[in-house]
Amino acid sequence: MLIKILLNGYCILATAIILNMIAFYLDIYTWYDLIKDLSQNSFKKCIDSHNFINIMWLYYIYPTCLALGYIISEKLYHSFI
């Protein structure tokens, strides 16, 4: 069970790192940028200042890809054990 948890964590972490590199390369907001914006502006102003691609990335694409990282880790776990 511990190996399964570690594998899940590592796969999700690797997926998150890759997704953050992609977001940086494409100049798309990440959660870090959103938090930085929220600390400087109000929530409504912060959300209104983002374009459609940033909103789709933060609330749909990024979480879906992280879920795919979890699914990959489950497939790896079941293929080796």
C-alpha atoms as a PDB file:
ATOM      1  CA  MET A   1       0.000   0.000   0.000  1.00  0.00           C
ATOM      2  CA  LEU A   2       2.843   2.383   0.812  1.00  0.00           C
ATOM      3  CA  ILE A   3       4.418   1.750  -2.591  1.00  0.00           C
ATOM      4  CA  LYS A   4       1.112   2.585  -4.259  1.00  0.00           C
ATOM      5  CA  ILE A   5       0.828   5.879  -2.374  1.00  0.00           C
ATOM      6  CA  LEU A   6       4.431   6.818  -3.189  1.00  0.00           C
ATOM      7  CA  LEU A   7       3.988   5.945  -6.853  1.00  0.00           C
ATOM      8  CA  ASN A   8       0.788   8.007  -7.025  1.00  0.00           C
ATOM      9  CA  GLY A   9       2.523  10.971  -5.416  1.00  0.00           C
ATOM     10  CA  TYR A  10       5.566  10.806  -7.677  1.00  0.00           C
ATOM     11  CA  CYS A  11       3.493  10.504 -10.846  1.00  0.00           C
ATOM     12  CA  ILE A  12       1.258  13.410  -9.887  1.00  0.00           C
ATOM     13  CA  LEU A  13       4.316  15.483  -8.943  1.00  0.00           C
ATOM     14  CA  ALA A  14       6.060  14.695 -12.234  1.00  0.00           C
ATOM     15  CA  THR A  15       2.879  15.553 -14.130  1.00  0.00           C
ATOM     16  CA  ALA A  16       2.553  18.857 -12.254  1.00  0.00           C
ATOM     17  CA  ILE A  17       6.168  19.794 -12.997  1.00  0.00           C
ATOM     18  CA  ILE A  18       5.727  19.051 -16.702  1.00  0.00           C
ATOM     19  CA  LEU A  19       2.453  20.993 -16.820  1.00  0.00           C
ATOM     20  CA  ASN A  20       4.047  23.987 -15.089  1.00  0.00           C
ATOM     21  CA  MET A  21       6.893  23.950 -17.618  1.00  0.00           C
ATOM     22  CA  ILE A  22       4.366  23.856 -20.459  1.00  0.00           C
ATOM     23  CA  ALA A  23       2.421  26.732 -18.896  1.00  0.00           C
ATOM     24  CA  PHE A  24       5.616  28.760 -18.502  1.00  0.00           C
ATOM     25  CA  TYR A  25       6.607  28.100 -22.110  1.00  0.00           C
ATOM     26  CA  LEU A  26       3.147  29.042 -23.432  1.00  0.00           C
ATOM     27  CA  ASP A  27       2.897  32.045 -21.058  1.00  0.00           C
ATOM     28  CA  ILE A  28      -0.255  30.691 -19.403  1.00  0.00           C
ATOM     29  CA  TYR A  29      -1.096  31.471 -15.782  1.00  0.00           C
ATOM     30  CA  THR A  30      -0.384  28.834 -13.177  1.00  0.00           C
ATOM     31  CA  TRP A  31      -1.809  28.594  -9.682  1.00  0.00           C
ATOM     32  CA  TYR A  32       1.282  30.394  -8.392  1.00  0.00           C
ATOM     33  CA  ASP A  33       0.559  33.363 -10.652  1.00  0.00           C
ATOM     34  CA  LEU A  34      -3.086  33.383  -9.610  1.00  0.00           C
ATOM     35  CA  ILE A  35      -2.187  33.419  -5.918  1.00  0.00           C
ATOM     36  CA  LYS A  36       0.279  36.245  -6.522  1.00  0.00           C
ATOM     37  CA  ASP A  37      -2.433  38.202  -8.356  1.00  0.00           C
ATOM     38  CA  LEU A  38      -4.939  37.550  -5.579  1.00  0.00           C
ATOM     39  CA  SER A  39      -2.542  38.927  -2.999  1.00  0.00           C
ATOM     40  CA  GLN A  40      -2.313  42.179  -4.982  1.00  0.00           C
ATOM     41  CA  ASN A  41      -5.877  42.549  -6.348  1.00  0.00           C
ATOM     42  CA  SER A  42      -9.412  41.601  -5.399  1.00  0.00           C
ATOM     43  CA  PHE A  43     -10.815  38.253  -6.520  1.00  0.00           C
ATOM     44  CA  LYS A  44     -13.238  39.742  -9.048  1.00  0.00           C
ATOM     45  CA  LYS A  45     -10.598  41.989 -10.585  1.00  0.00           C
ATOM     46  CA  CYS A  46      -8.165  39.105 -10.741  1.00  0.00           C
ATOM     47  CA  ILE A  47     -10.615  36.753 -12.491  1.00  0.00           C
ATOM     48  CA  ASP A  48     -11.808  39.476 -14.870  1.00  0.00           C
ATOM     49  CA  SER A  49      -8.241  40.184 -15.968  1.00  0.00           C
ATOM     50  CA  HIS A  50      -7.667  36.609 -17.197  1.00  0.00           C
ATOM     51  CA  ASN A  51      -8.476  35.493 -20.700  1.00  0.00           C
ATOM     52  CA  PHE A  52     -10.411  32.384 -21.682  1.00  0.00           C
ATOM     53  CA  ILE A  53      -7.294  30.255 -22.178  1.00  0.00           C
ATOM     54  CA  ASN A  54      -6.007  30.987 -18.667  1.00  0.00           C
ATOM     55  CA  ILE A  55      -9.360  30.142 -17.100  1.00  0.00           C
ATOM     56  CA  MET A  56      -9.666  26.906 -19.115  1.00  0.00           C
ATOM     57  CA  TRP A  57      -6.090  25.957 -18.201  1.00  0.00           C
ATOM     58  CA  LEU A  58      -6.487  26.612 -14.478  1.00  0.00           C
ATOM     59  CA  TYR A  59      -9.911  25.101 -13.925  1.00  0.00           C
ATOM     60  CA  TYR A  60     -10.230  22.372 -16.561  1.00  0.00           C
ATOM     61  CA  ILE A  61      -7.069  21.329 -18.409  1.00  0.00           C
ATOM     62  CA  TYR A  62      -4.594  21.376 -15.498  1.00  0.00           C
ATOM     63  CA  PRO A  63      -6.764  19.326 -13.086  1.00  0.00           C
ATOM     64  CA  THR A  64      -7.697  16.887 -15.856  1.00  0.00           C
ATOM     65  CA  CYS A  65      -4.044  16.320 -16.703  1.00  0.00           C
ATOM     66  CA  LEU A  66      -3.213  15.793 -13.025  1.00  0.00           C
ATOM     67  CA  ALA A  67      -5.945  13.172 -12.920  1.00  0.00           C
ATOM     68  CA  LEU A  68      -4.321  11.529 -15.940  1.00  0.00           C
ATOM     69  CA  GLY A  69      -1.078  11.429 -13.944  1.00  0.00           C
ATOM     70  CA  TYR A  70      -2.927   9.542 -11.233  1.00  0.00           C
ATOM     71  CA  ILE A  71      -4.417   7.127 -13.777  1.00  0.00           C
ATOM     72  CA  ILE A  72      -0.948   6.483 -15.220  1.00  0.00           C
ATOM     73  CA  SER A  73       0.368   5.719 -11.732  1.00  0.00           C
ATOM     74  CA  GLU A  74      -2.472   3.260 -11.136  1.00  0.00           C
ATOM     75  CA  LYS A  75      -1.707   1.506 -14.443  1.00  0.00           C
ATOM     76  CA  LEU A  76       2.003   1.354 -13.547  1.00  0.00           C
ATOM     77  CA  TYR A  77       1.241  -0.044 -10.115  1.00  0.00           C
ATOM     78  CA  HIS A  78      -1.035  -2.765 -11.467  1.00  0.00           C
ATOM     79  CA  SER A  79       1.374  -3.689 -14.252  1.00  0.00           C
ATOM     80  CA  PHE A  80       4.300  -4.247 -11.839  1.00  0.00           C
ATOM     81  CA  ILE A  81       2.499  -5.676  -8.843  1.00  0.00           C
END
